[in-house]
C-alpha atoms as a PDB file:
ATOM      1  CA  MET A   1      50.085 -47.478-100.183  1.00  0.00           C
ATOM      2  CA  ALA A   2      46.628 -46.907-101.645  1.00  0.00           C
ATOM      3  CA  PHE A   3      45.134 -47.482 -98.223  1.00  0.00           C
ATOM      4  CA  LEU A   4      47.435 -44.843 -96.709  1.00  0.00           C
ATOM      5  CA  LEU A   5      46.419 -42.317 -99.370  1.00  0.00           C
ATOM      6  CA  PHE A   6      42.735 -43.041 -98.652  1.00  0.00           C
ATOM      7  CA  VAL A   7      43.200 -42.420 -94.938  1.00  0.00           C
ATOM      8  CA  CYS A   8      44.971 -39.090 -95.586  1.00  0.00           C
ATOM      9  CA  LEU A   9      42.170 -37.970 -97.881  1.00  0.00           C
ATOM     10  CA  LEU A  10      39.526 -38.744 -95.263  1.00  0.00           C
ATOM     11  CA  GLY A  11      41.497 -36.766 -92.664  1.00  0.00           C
ATOM     12  CA  LEU A  12      41.725 -33.738 -94.965  1.00  0.00           C
ATOM     13  CA  VAL A  13      37.972 -33.740 -95.608  1.00  0.00           C
ATOM     14  CA  GLY A  14      37.244 -33.905 -91.880  1.00  0.00           C
ATOM     15  CA  LEU A  15      39.569 -31.006 -91.197  1.00  0.00           C
ATOM     16  CA  LEU A  16      37.805 -28.863 -93.787  1.00  0.00           C
ATOM     17  CA  VAL A  17      34.429 -29.669 -92.221  1.00  0.00           C
ATOM     18  CA  LEU A  18      35.667 -28.633 -88.788  1.00  0.00           C
ATOM     19  CA  LEU A  19      37.074 -25.325 -90.066  1.00  0.00           C
ATOM     20  CA  SER A  20      33.941 -24.287 -92.031  1.00  0.00           C
ATOM     21  CA  PRO A  21      31.559 -21.747 -90.289  1.00  0.00           C
ATOM     22  CA  ALA A  22      28.529 -23.251 -88.611  1.00  0.00           C
ATOM     23  CA  ARG A  23      25.072 -22.343 -90.083  1.00  0.00           C
ATOM     24  CA  LYS A  24      22.854 -20.317 -87.786  1.00  0.00           C
ATOM     25  CA  GLU A  25      19.097 -19.988 -87.666  1.00  0.00           C
ATOM     26  CA  PRO A  26      17.897 -16.549 -88.850  1.00  0.00           C
ATOM     27  CA  VAL A  27      17.058 -14.153 -85.998  1.00  0.00           C
ATOM     28  CA  ALA A  28      14.586 -11.277 -86.339  1.00  0.00           C
ATOM     29  CA  ARG A  29      16.229  -7.853 -86.068  1.00  0.00           C
ATOM     30  CA  ALA A  30      15.538  -6.316 -82.679  1.00  0.00           C
ATOM     31  CA  SER A  31      13.270  -3.248 -82.986  1.00  0.00           C
ATOM     32  CA  THR A  32      14.590  -0.009 -81.497  1.00  0.00           C
ATOM     33  CA  PRO A  33      12.306   2.704 -80.147  1.00  0.00           C
ATOM     34  CA  ALA A  34      11.854   5.660 -82.490  1.00  0.00           C
ATOM     35  CA  LEU A  35      13.726   8.737 -81.363  1.00  0.00           C
ATOM     36  CA  GLU A  36      11.648  11.798 -80.539  1.00  0.00           C
ATOM     37  CA  PRO A  37      12.496  14.681 -82.893  1.00  0.00           C
ATOM     38  CA  ARG A  38      14.628  17.322 -81.280  1.00  0.00           C
ATOM     39  CA  LEU A  39      13.064  20.759 -81.137  1.00  0.00           C
ATOM     40  CA  SER A  40      15.154  23.661 -82.336  1.00  0.00           C
ATOM     41  CA  VAL A  41      14.031  25.642 -79.296  1.00  0.00           C
ATOM     42  CA  PRO A  42      12.693  24.537 -75.929  1.00  0.00           C
ATOM     43  CA  GLU A  43       8.916  24.284 -75.706  1.00  0.00           C
ATOM     44  CA  LEU A  44       7.649  26.968 -73.371  1.00  0.00           C
ATOM     45  CA  PRO A  45       4.365  27.267 -71.486  1.00  0.00           C
ATOM     46  CA  PRO A  46       2.005  29.766 -73.158  1.00  0.00           C
ATOM     47  CA  GLU A  47       2.089  32.045 -70.121  1.00  0.00           C
ATOM     48  CA  LEU A  48       5.866  32.378 -70.347  1.00  0.00           C
ATOM     49  CA  VAL A  49       5.713  32.908 -74.114  1.00  0.00           C
ATOM     50  CA  VAL A  50       3.249  35.764 -73.579  1.00  0.00           C
ATOM     51  CA  ARG A  51       5.426  37.347 -70.906  1.00  0.00           C
ATOM     52  CA  ASN A  52       8.586  37.074 -73.006  1.00  0.00           C
ATOM     53  CA  LEU A  53       6.898  38.481 -76.090  1.00  0.00           C
ATOM     54  CA  ARG A  54       5.364  41.365 -74.168  1.00  0.00           C
ATOM     55  CA  ASP A  55       8.791  42.311 -72.827  1.00  0.00           C
ATOM     56  CA  GLU A  56      10.414  42.055 -76.261  1.00  0.00           C
ATOM     57  CA  LEU A  57       7.720  44.186 -77.931  1.00  0.00           C
ATOM     58  CA  GLN A  58       8.202  46.835 -75.269  1.00  0.00           C
ATOM     59  CA  ARG A  59      11.952  46.792 -75.902  1.00  0.00           C
ATOM     60  CA  VAL A  60      11.355  47.325 -79.623  1.00  0.00           C
ATOM     61  CA  ALA A  61       8.989  50.215 -78.872  1.00  0.00           C
ATOM     62  CA  GLU A  62      11.654  51.826 -76.679  1.00  0.00           C
ATOM     63  CA  ARG A  63      14.254  51.327 -79.398  1.00  0.00           C
ATOM     64  CA  TYR A  64      12.070  53.160 -81.933  1.00  0.00           C
ATOM     65  CA  PRO A  65      10.260  56.000 -80.116  1.00  0.00           C
ATOM     66  CA  ALA A  66       6.769  56.509 -81.551  1.00  0.00           C
ATOM     67  CA  SER A  67       3.101  55.904 -80.742  1.00  0.00           C
ATOM     68  CA  TYR A  68       2.034  52.265 -80.954  1.00  0.00           C
ATOM     69  CA  GLY A  69      -1.101  50.196 -81.298  1.00  0.00           C
ATOM     70  CA  VAL A  70      -0.193  46.499 -81.321  1.00  0.00           C
ATOM     71  CA  ILE A  71      -2.008  43.181 -81.070  1.00  0.00           C
ATOM     72  CA  VAL A  72      -0.485  39.730 -81.402  1.00  0.00           C
ATOM     73  CA  SER A  73      -3.017  36.934 -80.985  1.00  0.00           C
ATOM     74  CA  TYR A  74      -2.282  33.222 -81.221  1.00  0.00           C
ATOM     75  CA  PRO A  75      -5.630  31.362 -81.439  1.00  0.00           C
ATOM     76  CA  SER A  76      -4.258  27.871 -80.783  1.00  0.00           C
ATOM     77  CA  THR A  77      -3.153  28.917 -77.292  1.00  0.00           C
ATOM     78  CA  ARG A  78      -5.820  31.614 -76.944  1.00  0.00           C
ATOM     79  CA  LYS A  79      -3.203  34.093 -75.747  1.00  0.00           C
ATOM     80  CA  THR A  80      -2.982  37.744 -76.741  1.00  0.00           C
ATOM     81  CA  VAL A  81      -0.361  40.442 -76.217  1.00  0.00           C
ATOM     82  CA  THR A  82      -1.318  44.088 -76.719  1.00  0.00           C
ATOM     83  CA  ILE A  83       0.112  47.579 -76.606  1.00  0.00           C
ATOM     84  CA  ASN A  84      -2.505  50.352 -76.605  1.00  0.00           C
ATOM     85  CA  PRO A  85      -5.039  48.281 -78.593  1.00  0.00           C
ATOM     86  CA  ASP A  86      -7.736  50.983 -78.362  1.00  0.00           C
ATOM     87  CA  ARG A  87      -5.626  53.999 -79.351  1.00  0.00           C
ATOM     88  CA  ARG A  88      -6.958  55.688 -82.477  1.00  0.00           C
ATOM     89  CA  PHE A  89      -4.723  56.153 -85.509  1.00  0.00           C
ATOM     90  CA  ALA A  90      -5.179  57.193 -89.112  1.00  0.00           C
ATOM     91  CA  ALA A  91      -6.507  54.075 -90.817  1.00  0.00           C
ATOM     92  CA  ALA A  92      -5.089  54.917 -94.258  1.00  0.00           C
ATOM     93  CA  SER A  93      -5.316  51.847 -96.507  1.00  0.00           C
ATOM     94  CA  LEU A  94      -6.269  49.549 -93.646  1.00  0.00           C
ATOM     95  CA  THR A  95      -9.775  50.858 -94.330  1.00  0.00           C
ATOM     96  CA  LYS A  96      -9.737  48.831 -97.568  1.00  0.00           C
ATOM     97  CA  LEU A  97     -10.174  45.705 -95.461  1.00  0.00           C
ATOM     98  CA  SER A  98     -13.665  46.843 -94.493  1.00  0.00           C
ATOM     99  CA  THR A  99     -14.530  47.552 -98.137  1.00  0.00           C
ATOM    100  CA  LEU A 100     -13.280  44.114 -99.155  1.00  0.00           C
ATOM    101  CA  LEU A 101     -15.217  42.400 -96.387  1.00  0.00           C
ATOM    102  CA  THR A 102     -18.447  44.277 -97.175  1.00  0.00           C
ATOM    103  CA  LEU A 103     -18.207  43.224-100.830  1.00  0.00           C
ATOM    104  CA  TYR A 104     -17.528  39.568-100.051  1.00  0.00           C
ATOM    105  CA  ARG A 105     -20.156  39.445 -97.334  1.00  0.00           C
ATOM    106  CA  ALA A 106     -22.698  40.693 -99.898  1.00  0.00           C
ATOM    107  CA  ALA A 107     -21.473  38.036-102.326  1.00  0.00           C
ATOM    108  CA  ALA A 108     -21.941  35.357 -99.668  1.00  0.00           C
ATOM    109  CA  ARG A 109     -25.551  36.479 -99.217  1.00  0.00           C
ATOM    110  CA  GLY A 110     -26.151  36.302-102.958  1.00  0.00           C
ATOM    111  CA  GLU A 111     -26.640  40.058-103.282  1.00  0.00           C
ATOM    112  CA  VAL A 112     -23.539  40.612-105.426  1.00  0.00           C
ATOM    113  CA  ASP A 113     -22.035  38.674-108.329  1.00  0.00           C
ATOM    114  CA  LEU A 114     -18.265  39.052-108.136  1.00  0.00           C
ATOM    115  CA  ASP A 115     -18.027  38.386-111.863  1.00  0.00           C
ATOM    116  CA  ALA A 116     -20.261  41.357-112.657  1.00  0.00           C
ATOM    117  CA  GLU A 117     -18.448  44.237-114.338  1.00  0.00           C
ATOM    118  CA  ILE A 118     -17.735  47.684-112.973  1.00  0.00           C
ATOM    119  CA  THR A 119     -16.678  50.666-115.098  1.00  0.00           C
ATOM    120  CA  MET A 120     -14.133  53.268-114.055  1.00  0.00           C
ATOM    121  CA  ARG A 121     -15.513  56.812-114.055  1.00  0.00           C
ATOM    122  CA  ALA A 122     -13.567  60.056-114.198  1.00  0.00           C
ATOM    123  CA  SER A 123     -14.596  60.764-110.605  1.00  0.00           C
ATOM    124  CA  ASP A 124     -13.065  57.445-109.502  1.00  0.00           C
ATOM    125  CA  VAL A 125      -9.555  58.240-110.682  1.00  0.00           C
ATOM    126  CA  GLN A 126      -7.099  58.816-107.830  1.00  0.00           C
ATOM    127  CA  ALA A 127      -3.757  59.825-109.347  1.00  0.00           C
ATOM    128  CA  TYR A 128      -1.878  59.728-106.044  1.00  0.00           C
ATOM    129  CA  GLY A 129      -0.381  57.199-103.685  1.00  0.00           C
ATOM    130  CA  THR A 130      -0.431  53.566-104.723  1.00  0.00           C
ATOM    131  CA  GLY A 131      -2.127  51.790-107.574  1.00  0.00           C
ATOM    132  CA  VAL A 132      -2.109  51.191-111.319  1.00  0.00           C
ATOM    133  CA  LEU A 133      -5.699  51.809-112.411  1.00  0.00           C
ATOM    134  CA  TYR A 134      -5.277  55.570-112.728  1.00  0.00           C
ATOM    135  CA  LEU A 135      -3.030  54.883-115.732  1.00  0.00           C
ATOM    136  CA  LYS A 136      -5.932  53.251-117.580  1.00  0.00           C
ATOM    137  CA  PRO A 137      -8.407  55.274-119.645  1.00  0.00           C
ATOM    138  CA  VAL A 138     -11.705  56.357-118.143  1.00  0.00           C
ATOM    139  CA  GLY A 139     -14.323  53.811-119.173  1.00  0.00           C
ATOM    140  CA  ALA A 140     -12.094  50.802-118.519  1.00  0.00           C
ATOM    141  CA  THR A 141     -14.084  47.855-117.217  1.00  0.00           C
ATOM    142  CA  MET A 142     -13.235  44.905-114.992  1.00  0.00           C
ATOM    143  CA  THR A 143     -15.052  42.471-112.748  1.00  0.00           C
ATOM    144  CA  LEU A 144     -15.773  43.301-109.133  1.00  0.00           C
ATOM    145  CA  ARG A 145     -13.396  40.479-108.195  1.00  0.00           C
ATOM    146  CA  GLU A 146     -10.583  41.970-110.287  1.00  0.00           C
ATOM    147  CA  CYS A 147     -11.234  45.394-108.784  1.00  0.00           C
ATOM    148  CA  ALA A 148     -11.088  43.955-105.249  1.00  0.00           C
ATOM    149  CA  LYS A 149      -7.856  42.145-106.043  1.00  0.00           C
ATOM    150  CA  LEU A 150      -6.213  45.375-107.251  1.00  0.00           C
ATOM    151  CA  MET A 151      -7.498  47.220-104.180  1.00  0.00           C
ATOM    152  CA  ILE A 152      -5.690  44.752-101.897  1.00  0.00           C
ATOM    153  CA  LYS A 153      -2.628  43.479-103.780  1.00  0.00           C
ATOM    154  CA  GLU A 154      -1.688  46.890-105.204  1.00  0.00           C
ATOM    155  CA  SER A 155      -3.493  48.934-102.535  1.00  0.00           C
ATOM    156  CA  ASP A 156      -5.049  50.695-105.523  1.00  0.00           C
ATOM    157  CA  ASN A 157      -6.826  53.879-104.464  1.00  0.00           C
ATOM    158  CA  THR A 158      -8.871  54.121-107.669  1.00  0.00           C
ATOM    159  CA  ALA A 159     -10.129  50.557-107.159  1.00  0.00           C
ATOM    160  CA  TRP A 160     -11.087  51.457-103.593  1.00  0.00           C
ATOM    161  CA  VAL A 161     -13.101  54.515-104.715  1.00  0.00           C
ATOM    162  CA  MET A 162     -14.841  52.425-107.378  1.00  0.00           C
ATOM    163  CA  LEU A 163     -15.921  49.801-104.850  1.00  0.00           C
ATOM    164  CA  HIS A 164     -16.831  52.475-102.308  1.00  0.00           C
ATOM    165  CA  ARG A 165     -19.137  54.008-104.913  1.00  0.00           C
ATOM    166  CA  TYR A 166     -20.576  50.618-105.833  1.00  0.00           C
ATOM    167  CA  LEU A 167     -21.254  49.485-102.263  1.00  0.00           C
ATOM    168  CA  GLY A 168     -22.184  52.801-100.681  1.00  0.00           C
ATOM    169  CA  ARG A 169     -20.699  54.363 -97.569  1.00  0.00           C
ATOM    170  CA  SER A 170     -23.712  53.505 -95.401  1.00  0.00           C
ATOM    171  CA  ASN A 171     -23.461  49.802 -96.227  1.00  0.00           C
ATOM    172  CA  ILE A 172     -19.757  49.675 -95.396  1.00  0.00           C
ATOM    173  CA  GLU A 173     -20.309  51.504 -92.112  1.00  0.00           C
ATOM    174  CA  ALA A 174     -23.203  49.165 -91.284  1.00  0.00           C
ATOM    175  CA  GLU A 175     -20.950  46.152 -91.930  1.00  0.00           C
ATOM    176  CA  LEU A 176     -18.287  47.574 -89.613  1.00  0.00           C
ATOM    177  CA  TYR A 177     -20.845  48.076 -86.873  1.00  0.00           C
ATOM    178  CA  GLN A 178     -22.336  44.604 -87.333  1.00  0.00           C
ATOM    179  CA  MET A 179     -18.979  42.867 -87.087  1.00  0.00           C
ATOM    180  CA  GLY A 180     -18.136  44.762 -83.902  1.00  0.00           C
ATOM    181  CA  ALA A 181     -15.590  47.318 -85.158  1.00  0.00           C
ATOM    182  CA  HIS A 182     -17.264  50.148 -83.281  1.00  0.00           C
ATOM    183  CA  SER A 183     -14.236  52.420 -82.892  1.00  0.00           C
ATOM    184  CA  THR A 184     -13.532  52.778 -86.614  1.00  0.00           C
ATOM    185  CA  GLU A 185     -14.507  55.930 -88.513  1.00  0.00           C
ATOM    186  CA  TYR A 186     -14.637  54.670 -92.075  1.00  0.00           C
ATOM    187  CA  TRP A 187     -14.930  57.932 -94.005  1.00  0.00           C
ATOM    188  CA  THR A 188     -14.165  60.992 -91.922  1.00  0.00           C
ATOM    189  CA  PRO A 189     -11.809  61.239 -90.141  1.00  0.00           C
ATOM    190  CA  ASN A 190     -10.899  57.703 -91.327  1.00  0.00           C
ATOM    191  CA  THR A 191      -9.464  56.378 -88.081  1.00  0.00           C
ATOM    192  CA  THR A 192      -9.261  52.957 -86.527  1.00  0.00           C
ATOM    193  CA  THR A 193      -7.702  50.983 -83.673  1.00  0.00           C
ATOM    194  CA  ALA A 194      -5.598  47.842 -83.558  1.00  0.00           C
ATOM    195  CA  ARG A 195      -8.501  46.065 -81.852  1.00  0.00           C
ATOM    196  CA  ASP A 196     -10.932  46.919 -84.652  1.00  0.00           C
ATOM    197  CA  VAL A 197      -8.471  45.806 -87.316  1.00  0.00           C
ATOM    198  CA  HIS A 198      -8.128  42.534 -85.438  1.00  0.00           C
ATOM    199  CA  VAL A 199     -11.903  42.119 -85.626  1.00  0.00           C
ATOM    200  CA  MET A 200     -11.837  42.691 -89.404  1.00  0.00           C
ATOM    201  CA  LEU A 201      -9.084  40.126 -89.886  1.00  0.00           C
ATOM    202  CA  GLU A 202     -10.940  37.552 -87.809  1.00  0.00           C
ATOM    203  CA  LYS A 203     -14.047  37.970 -89.989  1.00  0.00           C
ATOM    204  CA  ILE A 204     -12.034  37.703 -93.197  1.00  0.00           C
ATOM    205  CA  ALA A 205     -10.410  34.486 -91.951  1.00  0.00           C
ATOM    206  CA  ASP A 206     -13.685  33.017 -90.646  1.00  0.00           C
ATOM    207  CA  PRO A 207     -15.211  30.804 -93.377  1.00  0.00           C
ATOM    208  CA  SER A 208     -18.602  30.919 -91.673  1.00  0.00           C
ATOM    209  CA  TYR A 209     -18.774  34.713 -92.030  1.00  0.00           C
ATOM    210  CA  THR A 210     -18.676  34.504 -95.835  1.00  0.00           C
ATOM    211  CA  SER A 211     -17.844  31.019 -97.145  1.00  0.00           C
ATOM    212  CA  PRO A 212     -14.753  28.793 -97.220  1.00  0.00           C
ATOM    213  CA  GLU A 213     -14.100  29.738-100.854  1.00  0.00           C
ATOM    214  CA  LEU A 214     -14.636  33.472-100.391  1.00  0.00           C
ATOM    215  CA  SER A 215     -12.551  33.569 -97.218  1.00  0.00           C
ATOM    216  CA  ALA A 216      -9.699  31.750 -98.962  1.00  0.00           C
ATOM    217  CA  GLU A 217      -9.904  34.154-101.897  1.00  0.00           C
ATOM    218  CA  MET A 218      -9.647  37.216 -99.669  1.00  0.00           C
ATOM    219  CA  LEU A 219      -6.623  35.760 -97.886  1.00  0.00           C
ATOM    220  CA  ASP A 220      -5.067  34.959-101.256  1.00  0.00           C
ATOM    221  CA  PHE A 221      -5.457  38.613-102.322  1.00  0.00           C
ATOM    222  CA  MET A 222      -3.632  39.601 -99.129  1.00  0.00           C
ATOM    223  CA  THR A 223      -0.694  37.257 -99.846  1.00  0.00           C
ATOM    224  CA  ASN A 224       2.372  38.183-101.927  1.00  0.00           C
ATOM    225  CA  THR A 225       1.286  41.777-102.358  1.00  0.00           C
ATOM    226  CA  SER A 226       3.352  44.601-103.802  1.00  0.00           C
ATOM    227  CA  PHE A 227       4.261  45.626-100.241  1.00  0.00           C
ATOM    228  CA  GLU A 228       6.196  42.869 -98.499  1.00  0.00           C
ATOM    229  CA  ASP A 229       8.776  44.958 -96.603  1.00  0.00           C
ATOM    230  CA  ARG A 230       7.002  45.198 -93.243  1.00  0.00           C
ATOM    231  CA  LEU A 231       5.554  42.151 -91.439  1.00  0.00           C
ATOM    232  CA  PRO A 232       6.808  39.569 -93.988  1.00  0.00           C
ATOM    233  CA  GLU A 233      10.319  40.979 -94.517  1.00  0.00           C
ATOM    234  CA  PRO A 234      12.240  39.316 -91.627  1.00  0.00           C
ATOM    235  CA  LEU A 235      10.377  35.990 -91.657  1.00  0.00           C
ATOM    236  CA  PRO A 236      11.492  32.713 -93.269  1.00  0.00           C
ATOM    237  CA  GLU A 237      10.744  32.423 -96.971  1.00  0.00           C
ATOM    238  CA  ASP A 238       8.269  29.587 -96.413  1.00  0.00           C
ATOM    239  CA  ALA A 239       6.217  31.558 -93.909  1.00  0.00           C
ATOM    240  CA  ARG A 240       3.011  32.904 -95.473  1.00  0.00           C
ATOM    241  CA  VAL A 241       1.707  36.342 -94.502  1.00  0.00           C
ATOM    242  CA  ALA A 242      -1.791  37.452 -95.583  1.00  0.00           C
ATOM    243  CA  HIS A 243      -1.776  41.144 -94.744  1.00  0.00           C
ATOM    244  CA  LYS A 244      -2.625  44.756 -95.583  1.00  0.00           C
ATOM    245  CA  ILE A 245      -0.445  47.808 -95.076  1.00  0.00           C
ATOM    246  CA  GLY A 246      -1.385  51.436 -94.478  1.00  0.00           C
ATOM    247  CA  SER A 247       0.579  54.679 -94.850  1.00  0.00           C
ATOM    248  CA  TYR A 248      -0.584  58.228 -94.226  1.00  0.00           C
ATOM    249  CA  HIS A 249       1.598  61.208 -93.240  1.00  0.00           C
ATOM    250  CA  ASP A 250       3.308  60.127 -89.989  1.00  0.00           C
ATOM    251  CA  THR A 251       1.381  56.866 -89.480  1.00  0.00           C
ATOM    252  CA  PHE A 252       2.421  53.498 -90.935  1.00  0.00           C
ATOM    253  CA  SER A 253       0.939  50.068 -90.327  1.00  0.00           C
ATOM    254  CA  ASP A 254       0.737  46.432 -91.316  1.00  0.00           C
ATOM    255  CA  ALA A 255      -1.850  43.898 -90.202  1.00  0.00           C
ATOM    256  CA  GLY A 256      -2.530  40.309 -91.111  1.00  0.00           C
ATOM    257  CA  LEU A 257      -2.313  36.595 -90.435  1.00  0.00           C
ATOM    258  CA  VAL A 258       1.055  34.869 -90.232  1.00  0.00           C
ATOM    259  CA  PHE A 259       1.206  31.200 -91.189  1.00  0.00           C
ATOM    260  CA  PRO A 260       4.480  29.739 -89.817  1.00  0.00           C
ATOM    261  CA  GLU A 261       6.544  27.376 -91.947  1.00  0.00           C
ATOM    262  CA  GLY A 262       4.651  24.161 -92.605  1.00  0.00           C
ATOM    263  CA  SER A 263       1.252  25.526 -91.554  1.00  0.00           C
ATOM    264  CA  ARG A 264      -1.664  25.839 -93.945  1.00  0.00           C
ATOM    265  CA  GLU A 265      -4.774  26.188 -91.806  1.00  0.00           C
ATOM    266  CA  VAL A 266      -6.057  29.407 -90.257  1.00  0.00           C
ATOM    267  CA  SER A 267      -6.138  27.610 -86.907  1.00  0.00           C
ATOM    268  CA  GLU A 268      -2.342  27.317 -87.111  1.00  0.00           C
ATOM    269  CA  ALA A 269      -1.781  30.997 -87.901  1.00  0.00           C
ATOM    270  CA  TYR A 270      -1.566  33.991 -85.606  1.00  0.00           C
ATOM    271  CA  TYR A 271      -2.843  37.537 -85.999  1.00  0.00           C
ATOM    272  CA  MET A 272      -0.518  40.514 -85.866  1.00  0.00           C
ATOM    273  CA  ILE A 273      -1.446  44.183 -86.082  1.00  0.00           C
ATOM    274  CA  VAL A 274       1.160  46.925 -85.711  1.00  0.00           C
ATOM    275  CA  ILE A 275       0.213  50.587 -86.148  1.00  0.00           C
ATOM    276  CA  VAL A 276       3.005  53.120 -85.624  1.00  0.00           C
ATOM    277  CA  GLY A 277       2.295  56.843 -85.419  1.00  0.00           C
ATOM    278  CA  ASP A 278       4.137  60.116 -84.853  1.00  0.00           C
ATOM    279  CA  THR A 279       7.247  58.993 -86.713  1.00  0.00           C
ATOM    280  CA  ASP A 280       8.845  58.569 -90.128  1.00  0.00           C
ATOM    281  CA  GLU A 281       8.480  55.597 -92.470  1.00  0.00           C
ATOM    282  CA  TRP A 282      11.968  54.170 -91.859  1.00  0.00           C
ATOM    283  CA  THR A 283      11.471  54.112 -88.085  1.00  0.00           C
ATOM    284  CA  ALA A 284       8.013  52.593 -88.385  1.00  0.00           C
ATOM    285  CA  ARG A 285       9.134  49.935 -90.862  1.00  0.00           C
ATOM    286  CA  SER A 286      12.094  48.963 -88.669  1.00  0.00           C
ATOM    287  CA  ALA A 287       9.842  48.659 -85.624  1.00  0.00           C
ATOM    288  CA  ILE A 288       7.261  46.591 -87.524  1.00  0.00           C
ATOM    289  CA  GLN A 289       9.959  44.240 -88.806  1.00  0.00           C
ATOM    290  CA  ASP A 290      11.541  43.769 -85.379  1.00  0.00           C
ATOM    291  CA  MET A 291       8.162  43.155 -83.736  1.00  0.00           C
ATOM    292  CA  SER A 292       7.210  40.715 -86.487  1.00  0.00           C
ATOM    293  CA  LEU A 293      10.373  38.674 -85.979  1.00  0.00           C
ATOM    294  CA  ALA A 294       9.938  38.704 -82.199  1.00  0.00           C
ATOM    295  CA  ALA A 295       6.367  37.423 -82.516  1.00  0.00           C
ATOM    296  CA  TYR A 296       7.363  34.715 -84.970  1.00  0.00           C
ATOM    297  CA  GLU A 297      10.200  33.438 -82.801  1.00  0.00           C
ATOM    298  CA  SER A 298       8.081  33.476 -79.644  1.00  0.00           C
ATOM    299  CA  LEU A 299       4.686  32.316 -80.819  1.00  0.00           C
ATOM    300  CA  ALA A 300       5.571  29.938 -83.632  1.00  0.00           C
ATOM    301  CA  ASN A 301       6.914  27.610 -80.943  1.00  0.00           C
ATOM    302  CA  ALA A 302       4.047  27.999 -78.469  1.00  0.00           C
ATOM    303  CA  ARG A 303       2.021  24.867 -77.820  1.00  0.00           C
ATOM    304  CA  PRO A 304      -1.574  24.721 -76.603  1.00  0.00           C
ATOM    305  CA  THR A 305      -2.100  23.282 -73.162  1.00  0.00           C
ATOM    306  CA  PRO A 306      -5.292  21.763 -71.759  1.00  0.00           C
ATOM    307  CA  GLY A 307      -7.425  24.303 -69.942  1.00  0.00           C
ATOM    308  CA  SER A 308      -5.801  27.346 -71.574  1.00  0.00           C
ATOM    309  CA  SER A 309      -8.069  30.363 -71.363  1.00  0.00           C
ATOM    310  CA  ASP A 310      -8.169  33.767 -73.001  1.00  0.00           C
ATOM    311  CA  ARG A 311      -5.688  36.179 -71.529  1.00  0.00           C
ATOM    312  CA  GLU A 312      -4.702  39.630 -72.645  1.00  0.00           C
ATOM    313  CA  THR A 313      -1.578  41.362 -71.420  1.00  0.00           C
ATOM    314  CA  ASN A 314      -1.205  45.115 -71.854  1.00  0.00           C
END
């Protein structure tokens, strides 16, 4: 009887061994190739991007009848689209870019200390248009840097007159000529072209023209200004626009560098200048916004190709 029980027990143990899962040697997980990120829009050749953008800008111009001077330039592909780039318009506050650049160029040469103080005189006060300085008492002082910041961020006319007085008209005109903005009349009749404004923006953004620190400071003054309802208005929140507007009678403009989402370097930005004349402010602002969005959608997705060369399309 005991022997029979022993045999049954052995049989039960064997059955359990047979039913238990077999141990396997560990196997390294097979590596899978990384998936390429999907682009939100197809990548287009620069030539096609230029052609599409040119057509879209023309459609916007037809939708909002006016006179136009437009340049969109994307340095990474070295492609440029223009509409009447050499037509003269009232410069209005775009002329403050040349004043800013003359001041910072002098600072780069060691001729000006941006922390030196400047005092507001009665003759400087401009109680019209944009700005906040005219509300301060005559005799108020500030640094040249603070004055330049107000001139750009607030488009302050009193700050502009103060710096104009400090620098001198002849020096500002000489700076314009030296940089190659030969079609701009700085003082009278205060006119410019989209091409000349493009030249000014290129010099502001070029760290070798002043210095990396001074260039960055000028672009910072031009960012998040009190006037963000033209070029920046239709763009994504994370897009940075360093720009300057102008308004005078029937002429309205905005000009600057657009840094698409995720870009930080000037080499990743593109230049956009839109001057609209012979119209009202609502029409001009609508046209500037539509052109800005068209340029962003077209050029933010352009990719440089080997052997790309400069090309301008009128």
